[in-house]
PDB file of all heavy atoms in Angstrom:
ATOM      1  N   GLU A   1      63.447 217.363 -56.639  1.00  0.00           N
ATOM      2  CA  GLU A   1      63.872 218.732 -56.376  1.00  0.00           C
ATOM      3  C   GLU A   1      63.262 219.639 -57.424  1.00  0.00           C
ATOM      4  O   GLU A   1      63.200 219.286 -58.595  1.00  0.00           O
ATOM      5  CB  GLU A   1      65.396 218.838 -56.413  1.00  0.00           C
ATOM      6  CG  GLU A   1      66.054 218.104 -55.269  1.00  0.00           C
ATOM      7  CD  GLU A   1      67.552 218.345 -55.231  1.00  0.00           C
ATOM      8  OE1 GLU A   1      68.017 219.371 -55.753  1.00  0.00           O
ATOM      9  OE2 GLU A   1      68.241 217.491 -54.669  1.00  0.00           O
ATOM     10  N   THR A   2      62.810 220.796 -56.979  1.00  0.00           N
ATOM     11  CA  THR A   2      62.206 221.758 -57.892  1.00  0.00           C
ATOM     12  C   THR A   2      63.136 222.938 -58.116  1.00  0.00           C
ATOM     13  O   THR A   2      64.109 223.120 -57.385  1.00  0.00           O
ATOM     14  CB  THR A   2      60.866 222.272 -57.341  1.00  0.00           C
ATOM     15  OG1 THR A   2      61.096 222.887 -56.071  1.00  0.00           O
ATOM     16  CG2 THR A   2      59.861 221.145 -57.201  1.00  0.00           C
ATOM     17  N   SER A   3      62.800 223.749 -59.106  1.00  0.00           N
ATOM     18  CA  SER A   3      63.594 224.924 -59.415  1.00  0.00           C
ATOM     19  C   SER A   3      63.574 225.922 -58.265  1.00  0.00           C
ATOM     20  O   SER A   3      64.500 226.700 -58.105  1.00  0.00           O
ATOM     21  CB  SER A   3      63.095 225.583 -60.703  1.00  0.00           C
ATOM     22  OG  SER A   3      61.700 225.807 -60.634  1.00  0.00           O
ATOM     23  N   SER A   4      62.531 225.904 -57.435  1.00  0.00           N
ATOM     24  CA  SER A   4      62.449 226.774 -56.265  1.00  0.00           C
ATOM     25  C   SER A   4      61.407 226.223 -55.304  1.00  0.00           C
ATOM     26  O   SER A   4      60.313 225.845 -55.730  1.00  0.00           O
ATOM     27  CB  SER A   4      62.057 228.195 -56.686  1.00  0.00           C
ATOM     28  OG  SER A   4      61.956 229.023 -55.546  1.00  0.00           O
ATOM     29  N   PRO A   5      61.718 226.161 -53.998  1.00  0.00           N
ATOM     30  CA  PRO A   5      60.738 225.649 -53.035  1.00  0.00           C
ATOM     31  C   PRO A   5      59.659 226.673 -52.670  1.00  0.00           C
ATOM     32  O   PRO A   5      58.614 226.311 -52.153  1.00  0.00           O
ATOM     33  CB  PRO A   5      61.583 225.289 -51.822  1.00  0.00           C
ATOM     34  CG  PRO A   5      62.760 226.211 -51.903  1.00  0.00           C
ATOM     35  CD  PRO A   5      63.007 226.418 -53.386  1.00  0.00           C
ATOM     36  N   LYS A   6      59.925 227.972 -52.945  1.00  0.00           N
ATOM     37  CA  LYS A   6      58.950 229.033 -52.680  1.00  0.00           C
ATOM     38  C   LYS A   6      58.872 229.937 -53.899  1.00  0.00           C
ATOM     39  O   LYS A   6      59.903 230.368 -54.422  1.00  0.00           O
ATOM     40  CB  LYS A   6      59.360 229.872 -51.467  1.00  0.00           C
ATOM     41  CG  LYS A   6      59.223 229.157 -50.161  1.00  0.00           C
ATOM     42  CD  LYS A   6      59.525 230.096 -49.010  1.00  0.00           C
ATOM     43  CE  LYS A   6      59.411 229.358 -47.688  1.00  0.00           C
ATOM     44  NZ  LYS A   6      59.735 230.227 -46.556  1.00  0.00           N
ATOM     45  N   VAL A   7      57.650 230.200 -54.343  1.00  0.00           N
ATOM     46  CA  VAL A   7      57.450 231.041 -55.524  1.00  0.00           C
ATOM     47  C   VAL A   7      56.264 231.974 -55.302  1.00  0.00           C
ATOM     48  O   VAL A   7      55.449 231.764 -54.409  1.00  0.00           O
ATOM     49  CB  VAL A   7      57.198 230.191 -56.791  1.00  0.00           C
ATOM     50  CG1 VAL A   7      58.411 229.334 -57.119  1.00  0.00           C
ATOM     51  CG2 VAL A   7      55.956 229.344 -56.645  1.00  0.00           C
ATOM     52  N   GLU A   8      56.170 232.981 -56.154  1.00  0.00           N
ATOM     53  CA  GLU A   8      55.033 233.897 -56.151  1.00  0.00           C
ATOM     54  C   GLU A   8      53.883 233.272 -56.940  1.00  0.00           C
ATOM     55  O   GLU A   8      54.121 232.428 -57.809  1.00  0.00           O
ATOM     56  CB  GLU A   8      55.421 235.218 -56.824  1.00  0.00           C
ATOM     57  CG  GLU A   8      56.516 235.978 -56.142  1.00  0.00           C
ATOM     58  CD  GLU A   8      56.891 237.230 -56.913  1.00  0.00           C
ATOM     59  OE1 GLU A   8      56.030 237.762 -57.654  1.00  0.00           O
ATOM     60  OE2 GLU A   8      58.031 237.676 -56.778  1.00  0.00           O
ATOM     61  N   PRO A   9      52.640 233.709 -56.684  1.00  0.00           N
ATOM     62  CA  PRO A   9      51.515 233.210 -57.488  1.00  0.00           C
ATOM     63  C   PRO A   9      51.753 233.478 -58.969  1.00  0.00           C
ATOM     64  O   PRO A   9      52.220 234.541 -59.362  1.00  0.00           O
ATOM     65  CB  PRO A   9      50.327 234.025 -56.966  1.00  0.00           C
ATOM     66  CG  PRO A   9      50.713 234.397 -55.567  1.00  0.00           C
ATOM     67  CD  PRO A   9      52.204 234.625 -55.621  1.00  0.00           C
ATOM     68  N   GLY A  10      51.470 232.484 -59.805  1.00  0.00           N
ATOM     69  CA  GLY A  10      51.639 232.606 -61.248  1.00  0.00           C
ATOM     70  C   GLY A  10      52.984 232.137 -61.753  1.00  0.00           C
ATOM     71  O   GLY A  10      53.216 232.101 -62.964  1.00  0.00           O
ATOM     72  N   ALA A  11      53.876 231.742 -60.862  1.00  0.00           N
ATOM     73  CA  ALA A  11      55.207 231.301 -61.271  1.00  0.00           C
ATOM     74  C   ALA A  11      55.168 229.901 -61.879  1.00  0.00           C
ATOM     75  O   ALA A  11      54.333 229.079 -61.512  1.00  0.00           O
ATOM     76  CB  ALA A  11      56.158 231.313 -60.075  1.00  0.00           C
ATOM     77  N   THR A  12      56.082 229.651 -62.797  1.00  0.00           N
ATOM     78  CA  THR A  12      56.247 228.321 -63.367  1.00  0.00           C
ATOM     79  C   THR A  12      57.369 227.626 -62.602  1.00  0.00           C
ATOM     80  O   THR A  12      58.445 228.188 -62.411  1.00  0.00           O
ATOM     81  CB  THR A  12      56.594 228.397 -64.863  1.00  0.00           C
ATOM     82  OG1 THR A  12      55.499 229.012 -65.542  1.00  0.00           O
ATOM     83  CG2 THR A  12      56.832 227.011 -65.443  1.00  0.00           C
ATOM     84  N   VAL A  13      57.090 226.417 -62.152  1.00  0.00           N
ATOM     85  CA  VAL A  13      58.041 225.630 -61.378  1.00  0.00           C
ATOM     86  C   VAL A  13      58.430 224.410 -62.205  1.00  0.00           C
ATOM     87  O   VAL A  13      57.587 223.811 -62.871  1.00  0.00           O
ATOM     88  CB  VAL A  13      57.402 225.175 -60.049  1.00  0.00           C
ATOM     89  CG1 VAL A  13      58.343 224.276 -59.272  1.00  0.00           C
ATOM     90  CG2 VAL A  13      56.985 226.372 -59.221  1.00  0.00           C
ATOM     91  N   GLN A  14      59.706 224.054 -62.157  1.00  0.00           N
ATOM     92  CA  GLN A  14      60.163 222.864 -62.853  1.00  0.00           C
ATOM     93  C   GLN A  14      60.674 221.832 -61.862  1.00  0.00           C
ATOM     94  O   GLN A  14      61.294 222.186 -60.858  1.00  0.00           O
ATOM     95  CB  GLN A  14      61.279 223.206 -63.840  1.00  0.00           C
ATOM     96  CG  GLN A  14      60.789 224.056 -64.991  1.00  0.00           C
ATOM     97  CD  GLN A  14      61.871 224.286 -66.022  1.00  0.00           C
ATOM     98  OE1 GLN A  14      63.048 224.366 -65.710  1.00  0.00           O
ATOM     99  NE2 GLN A  14      61.451 224.382 -67.275  1.00  0.00           N
ATOM    100  N   MET A  15      60.378 220.564 -62.146  1.00  0.00           N
ATOM    101  CA  MET A  15      60.886 219.451 -61.350  1.00  0.00           C
ATOM    102  C   MET A  15      61.470 218.435 -62.323  1.00  0.00           C
ATOM    103  O   MET A  15      60.801 218.033 -63.273  1.00  0.00           O
ATOM    104  CB  MET A  15      59.769 218.804 -60.530  1.00  0.00           C
ATOM    105  CG  MET A  15      60.253 217.605 -59.715  1.00  0.00           C
ATOM    106  SD  MET A  15      58.943 216.794 -58.761  1.00  0.00           S
ATOM    107  CE  MET A  15      58.124 215.833 -60.048  1.00  0.00           C
ATOM    108  N   ARG A  16      62.695 218.025 -62.076  1.00  0.00           N
ATOM    109  CA  ARG A  16      63.310 216.969 -62.901  1.00  0.00           C
ATOM    110  C   ARG A  16      62.995 215.638 -62.240  1.00  0.00           C
ATOM    111  O   ARG A  16      63.341 215.413 -61.093  1.00  0.00           O
ATOM    112  CB  ARG A  16      64.808 217.177 -63.014  1.00  0.00           C
ATOM    113  CG  ARG A  16      65.458 216.154 -63.921  1.00  0.00           C
ATOM    114  CD  ARG A  16      66.860 216.595 -64.323  1.00  0.00           C
ATOM    115  NE  ARG A  16      67.569 215.535 -65.012  1.00  0.00           N
ATOM    116  CZ  ARG A  16      67.442 215.247 -66.302  1.00  0.00           C
ATOM    117  NH1 ARG A  16      66.620 215.964 -67.043  1.00  0.00           N
ATOM    118  NH2 ARG A  16      68.120 214.267 -66.853  1.00  0.00           N
ATOM    119  N   ALA A  17      62.324 214.782 -62.962  1.00  0.00           N
ATOM    120  CA  ALA A  17      61.941 213.461 -62.467  1.00  0.00           C
ATOM    121  C   ALA A  17      62.796 212.424 -63.186  1.00  0.00           C
ATOM    122  O   ALA A  17      62.728 212.306 -64.401  1.00  0.00           O
ATOM    123  CB  ALA A  17      60.460 213.215 -62.711  1.00  0.00           C
ATOM    124  N   GLU A  18      63.602 211.680 -62.431  1.00  0.00           N
ATOM    125  CA  GLU A  18      64.545 210.725 -63.011  1.00  0.00           C
ATOM    126  C   GLU A  18      64.274 209.315 -62.499  1.00  0.00           C
ATOM    127  O   GLU A  18      63.560 209.123 -61.527  1.00  0.00           O
ATOM    128  CB  GLU A  18      65.973 211.118 -62.635  1.00  0.00           C
ATOM    129  CG  GLU A  18      66.372 212.496 -63.111  1.00  0.00           C
ATOM    130  CD  GLU A  18      67.747 212.908 -62.625  1.00  0.00           C
ATOM    131  OE1 GLU A  18      68.131 212.528 -61.501  1.00  0.00           O
ATOM    132  OE2 GLU A  18      68.434 213.621 -63.373  1.00  0.00           O
ATOM    133  N   GLY A  19      64.893 208.338 -63.160  1.00  0.00           N
ATOM    134  CA  GLY A  19      64.838 206.959 -62.699  1.00  0.00           C
ATOM    135  C   GLY A  19      63.777 206.101 -63.364  1.00  0.00           C
ATOM    136  O   GLY A  19      63.552 204.964 -62.961  1.00  0.00           O
ATOM    137  N   PHE A  20      63.144 206.619 -64.393  1.00  0.00           N
ATOM    138  CA  PHE A  20      62.132 205.857 -65.115  1.00  0.00           C
ATOM    139  C   PHE A  20      62.790 205.046 -66.227  1.00  0.00           C
ATOM    140  O   PHE A  20      63.923 205.305 -66.613  1.00  0.00           O
ATOM    141  CB  PHE A  20      61.078 206.790 -65.717  1.00  0.00           C
ATOM    142  CG  PHE A  20      60.371 207.623 -64.695  1.00  0.00           C
ATOM    143  CD1 PHE A  20      60.667 208.963 -64.545  1.00  0.00           C
ATOM    144  CD2 PHE A  20      59.410 207.074 -63.871  1.00  0.00           C
ATOM    145  CE1 PHE A  20      60.027 209.740 -63.602  1.00  0.00           C
ATOM    146  CE2 PHE A  20      58.760 207.827 -62.919  1.00  0.00           C
ATOM    147  CZ  PHE A  20      59.066 209.168 -62.779  1.00  0.00           C
ATOM    148  N   ALA A  21      62.069 204.086 -66.752  1.00  0.00           N
ATOM    149  CA  ALA A  21      62.540 203.370 -67.935  1.00  0.00           C
ATOM    150  C   ALA A  21      62.573 204.367 -69.105  1.00  0.00           C
ATOM    151  O   ALA A  21      61.761 205.287 -69.154  1.00  0.00           O
ATOM    152  CB  ALA A  21      61.599 202.210 -68.251  1.00  0.00           C
ATOM    153  N   PRO A  22      63.503 204.207 -70.036  1.00  0.00           N
ATOM    154  CA  PRO A  22      63.536 205.109 -71.192  1.00  0.00           C
ATOM    155  C   PRO A  22      62.237 205.024 -71.995  1.00  0.00           C
ATOM    156  O   PRO A  22      61.635 203.955 -72.132  1.00  0.00           O
ATOM    157  CB  PRO A  22      64.709 204.571 -72.026  1.00  0.00           C
ATOM    158  CG  PRO A  22      65.567 203.836 -71.041  1.00  0.00           C
ATOM    159  CD  PRO A  22      64.606 203.253 -70.052  1.00  0.00           C
ATOM    160  N   ALA A  23      61.812 206.151 -72.510  1.00  0.00           N
ATOM    161  CA  ALA A  23      60.637 206.258 -73.386  1.00  0.00           C
ATOM    162  C   ALA A  23      59.369 205.665 -72.768  1.00  0.00           C
ATOM    163  O   ALA A  23      58.559 205.070 -73.466  1.00  0.00           O
ATOM    164  CB  ALA A  23      60.923 205.626 -74.742  1.00  0.00           C
ATOM    165  N   THR A  24      59.189 205.857 -71.464  1.00  0.00           N
ATOM    166  CA  THR A  24      57.972 205.377 -70.802  1.00  0.00           C
ATOM    167  C   THR A  24      57.056 206.553 -70.497  1.00  0.00           C
ATOM    168  O   THR A  24      57.508 207.689 -70.377  1.00  0.00           O
ATOM    169  CB  THR A  24      58.309 204.600 -69.511  1.00  0.00           C
ATOM    170  OG1 THR A  24      57.164 203.886 -69.085  1.00  0.00           O
ATOM    171  CG2 THR A  24      58.754 205.506 -68.381  1.00  0.00           C
ATOM    172  N   VAL A  25      55.778 206.286 -70.395  1.00  0.00           N
ATOM    173  CA  VAL A  25      54.811 207.335 -70.059  1.00  0.00           C
ATOM    174  C   VAL A  25      54.990 207.705 -68.590  1.00  0.00           C
ATOM    175  O   VAL A  25      55.048 206.835 -67.717  1.00  0.00           O
ATOM    176  CB  VAL A  25      53.364 206.866 -70.310  1.00  0.00           C
ATOM    177  CG1 VAL A  25      52.369 207.895 -69.794  1.00  0.00           C
ATOM    178  CG2 VAL A  25      53.153 206.605 -71.788  1.00  0.00           C
ATOM    179  N   VAL A  26      55.107 209.007 -68.338  1.00  0.00           N
ATOM    180  CA  VAL A  26      55.228 209.528 -66.982  1.00  0.00           C
ATOM    181  C   VAL A  26      53.982 210.358 -66.704  1.00  0.00           C
ATOM    182  O   VAL A  26      53.739 211.359 -67.373  1.00  0.00           O
ATOM    183  CB  VAL A  26      56.510 210.378 -66.821  1.00  0.00           C
ATOM    184  CG1 VAL A  26      56.589 210.984 -65.430  1.00  0.00           C
ATOM    185  CG2 VAL A  26      57.748 209.538 -67.119  1.00  0.00           C
ATOM    186  N   ARG A  27      53.179 209.914 -65.759  1.00  0.00           N
ATOM    187  CA  ARG A  27      51.955 210.620 -65.388  1.00  0.00           C
ATOM    188  C   ARG A  27      52.313 211.722 -64.391  1.00  0.00           C
ATOM    189  O   ARG A  27      53.069 211.485 -63.448  1.00  0.00           O
ATOM    190  CB  ARG A  27      50.961 209.669 -64.754  1.00  0.00           C
ATOM    191  CG  ARG A  27      50.718 208.429 -65.574  1.00  0.00           C
ATOM    192  CD  ARG A  27      49.389 208.505 -66.269  1.00  0.00           C
ATOM    193  NE  ARG A  27      49.113 207.244 -66.953  1.00  0.00           N
ATOM    194  CZ  ARG A  27      48.912 207.152 -68.237  1.00  0.00           C
ATOM    195  NH1 ARG A  27      48.941 208.216 -68.988  1.00  0.00           N
ATOM    196  NH2 ARG A  27      48.657 205.995 -68.795  1.00  0.00           N
ATOM    197  N   VAL A  28      51.759 212.898 -64.601  1.00  0.00           N
ATOM    198  CA  VAL A  28      52.068 214.050 -63.763  1.00  0.00           C
ATOM    199  C   VAL A  28      50.797 214.520 -63.076  1.00  0.00           C
ATOM    200  O   VAL A  28      49.725 214.553 -63.689  1.00  0.00           O
ATOM    201  CB  VAL A  28      52.671 215.197 -64.613  1.00  0.00           C
ATOM    202  CG1 VAL A  28      52.983 216.406 -63.750  1.00  0.00           C
ATOM    203  CG2 VAL A  28      53.924 214.710 -65.345  1.00  0.00           C
ATOM    204  N   SER A  29      50.929 214.882 -61.806  1.00  0.00           N
ATOM    205  CA  SER A  29      49.787 215.439 -61.089  1.00  0.00           C
ATOM    206  C   SER A  29      50.254 216.580 -60.187  1.00  0.00           C
ATOM    207  O   SER A  29      51.411 216.643 -59.782  1.00  0.00           O
ATOM    208  CB  SER A  29      49.073 214.364 -60.251  1.00  0.00           C
ATOM    209  OG  SER A  29      49.919 213.888 -59.235  1.00  0.00           O
ATOM    210  N   VAL A  30      49.331 217.491 -59.926  1.00  0.00           N
ATOM    211  CA  VAL A  30      49.549 218.571 -58.974  1.00  0.00           C
ATOM    212  C   VAL A  30      48.418 218.482 -57.967  1.00  0.00           C
ATOM    213  O   VAL A  30      47.246 218.512 -58.340  1.00  0.00           O
ATOM    214  CB  VAL A  30      49.557 219.953 -59.668  1.00  0.00           C
ATOM    215  CG1 VAL A  30      49.705 221.064 -58.639  1.00  0.00           C
ATOM    216  CG2 VAL A  30      50.658 220.021 -60.712  1.00  0.00           C
ATOM    217  N   ASP A  31      48.787 218.313 -56.704  1.00  0.00           N
ATOM    218  CA  ASP A  31      47.807 218.161 -55.633  1.00  0.00           C
ATOM    219  C   ASP A  31      46.804 217.050 -55.926  1.00  0.00           C
ATOM    220  O   ASP A  31      45.621 217.149 -55.635  1.00  0.00           O
ATOM    221  CB  ASP A  31      47.074 219.484 -55.370  1.00  0.00           C
ATOM    222  CG  ASP A  31      48.033 220.582 -54.925  1.00  0.00           C
ATOM    223  OD1 ASP A  31      49.069 220.254 -54.311  1.00  0.00           O
ATOM    224  OD2 ASP A  31      47.751 221.765 -55.185  1.00  0.00           O
ATOM    225  N   GLY A  32      47.285 215.983 -56.561  1.00  0.00           N
ATOM    226  CA  GLY A  32      46.446 214.823 -56.847  1.00  0.00           C
ATOM    227  C   GLY A  32      45.607 214.924 -58.100  1.00  0.00           C
ATOM    228  O   GLY A  32      44.921 213.977 -58.459  1.00  0.00           O
ATOM    229  N   LYS A  33      45.678 216.048 -58.803  1.00  0.00           N
ATOM    230  CA  LYS A  33      44.902 216.227 -60.032  1.00  0.00           C
ATOM    231  C   LYS A  33      45.820 216.007 -61.232  1.00  0.00           C
ATOM    232  O   LYS A  33      46.833 216.682 -61.384  1.00  0.00           O
ATOM    233  CB  LYS A  33      44.291 217.619 -60.082  1.00  0.00           C
ATOM    234  CG  LYS A  33      43.278 217.826 -58.977  1.00  0.00           C
ATOM    235  CD  LYS A  33      42.737 219.232 -58.980  1.00  0.00           C
ATOM    236  CE  LYS A  33      41.830 219.401 -57.771  1.00  0.00           C
ATOM    237  NZ  LYS A  33      41.551 220.790 -57.491  1.00  0.00           N
ATOM    238  N   ALA A  34      45.441 215.053 -62.070  1.00  0.00           N
ATOM    239  CA  ALA A  34      46.265 214.703 -63.231  1.00  0.00           C
ATOM    240  C   ALA A  34      46.336 215.852 -64.222  1.00  0.00           C
ATOM    241  O   ALA A  34      45.355 216.550 -64.469  1.00  0.00           O
ATOM    242  CB  ALA A  34      45.698 213.464 -63.909  1.00  0.00           C
ATOM    243  N   ILE A  35      47.538 216.043 -64.784  1.00  0.00           N
ATOM    244  CA  ILE A  35      47.725 216.973 -65.895  1.00  0.00           C
ATOM    245  C   ILE A  35      48.329 216.156 -67.035  1.00  0.00           C
ATOM    246  O   ILE A  35      48.479 214.946 -66.919  1.00  0.00           O
ATOM    247  CB  ILE A  35      48.592 218.191 -65.496  1.00  0.00           C
ATOM    248  CG1 ILE A  35      49.975 217.758 -65.001  1.00  0.00           C
ATOM    249  CG2 ILE A  35      47.894 218.997 -64.417  1.00  0.00           C
ATOM    250  CD1 ILE A  35      50.900 218.934 -64.710  1.00  0.00           C
ATOM    251  N   SER A  36      48.688 216.781 -68.105  1.00  0.00           N
ATOM    252  CA  SER A  36      49.171 216.061 -69.301  1.00  0.00           C
ATOM    253  C   SER A  36      50.360 215.163 -68.981  1.00  0.00           C
ATOM    254  O   SER A  36      51.314 215.608 -68.347  1.00  0.00           O
ATOM    255  CB  SER A  36      49.590 217.056 -70.376  1.00  0.00           C
ATOM    256  OG  SER A  36      48.487 217.817 -70.787  1.00  0.00           O
ATOM    257  N   PRO A  37      50.314 213.914 -69.447  1.00  0.00           N
ATOM    258  CA  PRO A  37      51.457 213.016 -69.223  1.00  0.00           C
ATOM    259  C   PRO A  37      52.637 213.403 -70.105  1.00  0.00           C
ATOM    260  O   PRO A  37      52.477 214.100 -71.104  1.00  0.00           O
ATOM    261  CB  PRO A  37      50.906 211.650 -69.610  1.00  0.00           C
ATOM    262  CG  PRO A  37      49.791 211.929 -70.556  1.00  0.00           C
ATOM    263  CD  PRO A  37      49.217 213.261 -70.156  1.00  0.00           C
ATOM    264  N   LEU A  38      53.820 212.942 -69.716  1.00  0.00           N
ATOM    265  CA  LEU A  38      55.049 213.166 -70.462  1.00  0.00           C
ATOM    266  C   LEU A  38      55.625 211.818 -70.859  1.00  0.00           C
ATOM    267  O   LEU A  38      55.154 210.780 -70.403  1.00  0.00           O
ATOM    268  CB  LEU A  38      56.067 213.906 -69.584  1.00  0.00           C
ATOM    269  CG  LEU A  38      55.635 215.252 -69.017  1.00  0.00           C
ATOM    270  CD1 LEU A  38      56.675 215.744 -68.006  1.00  0.00           C
ATOM    271  CD2 LEU A  38      55.462 216.265 -70.132  1.00  0.00           C
ATOM    272  N   THR A  39      56.663 211.831 -71.668  1.00  0.00           N
ATOM    273  CA  THR A  39      57.398 210.624 -72.004  1.00  0.00           C
ATOM    274  C   THR A  39      58.835 210.839 -71.552  1.00  0.00           C
ATOM    275  O   THR A  39      59.428 211.879 -71.840  1.00  0.00           O
ATOM    276  CB  THR A  39      57.361 210.347 -73.516  1.00  0.00           C
ATOM    277  OG1 THR A  39      55.998 210.204 -73.927  1.00  0.00           O
ATOM    278  CG2 THR A  39      58.110 209.072 -73.857  1.00  0.00           C
TER     279      THR A  39
END
């Protein structure tokens, strides 16, 4: 689920991703293009 399903161009959207092992690398992509990973 994201902070909003519809936004204006230039908006920042947040998605909470849960269910991973603690302190594991989480790879993030937008439209299949990788961006900076998170932990």
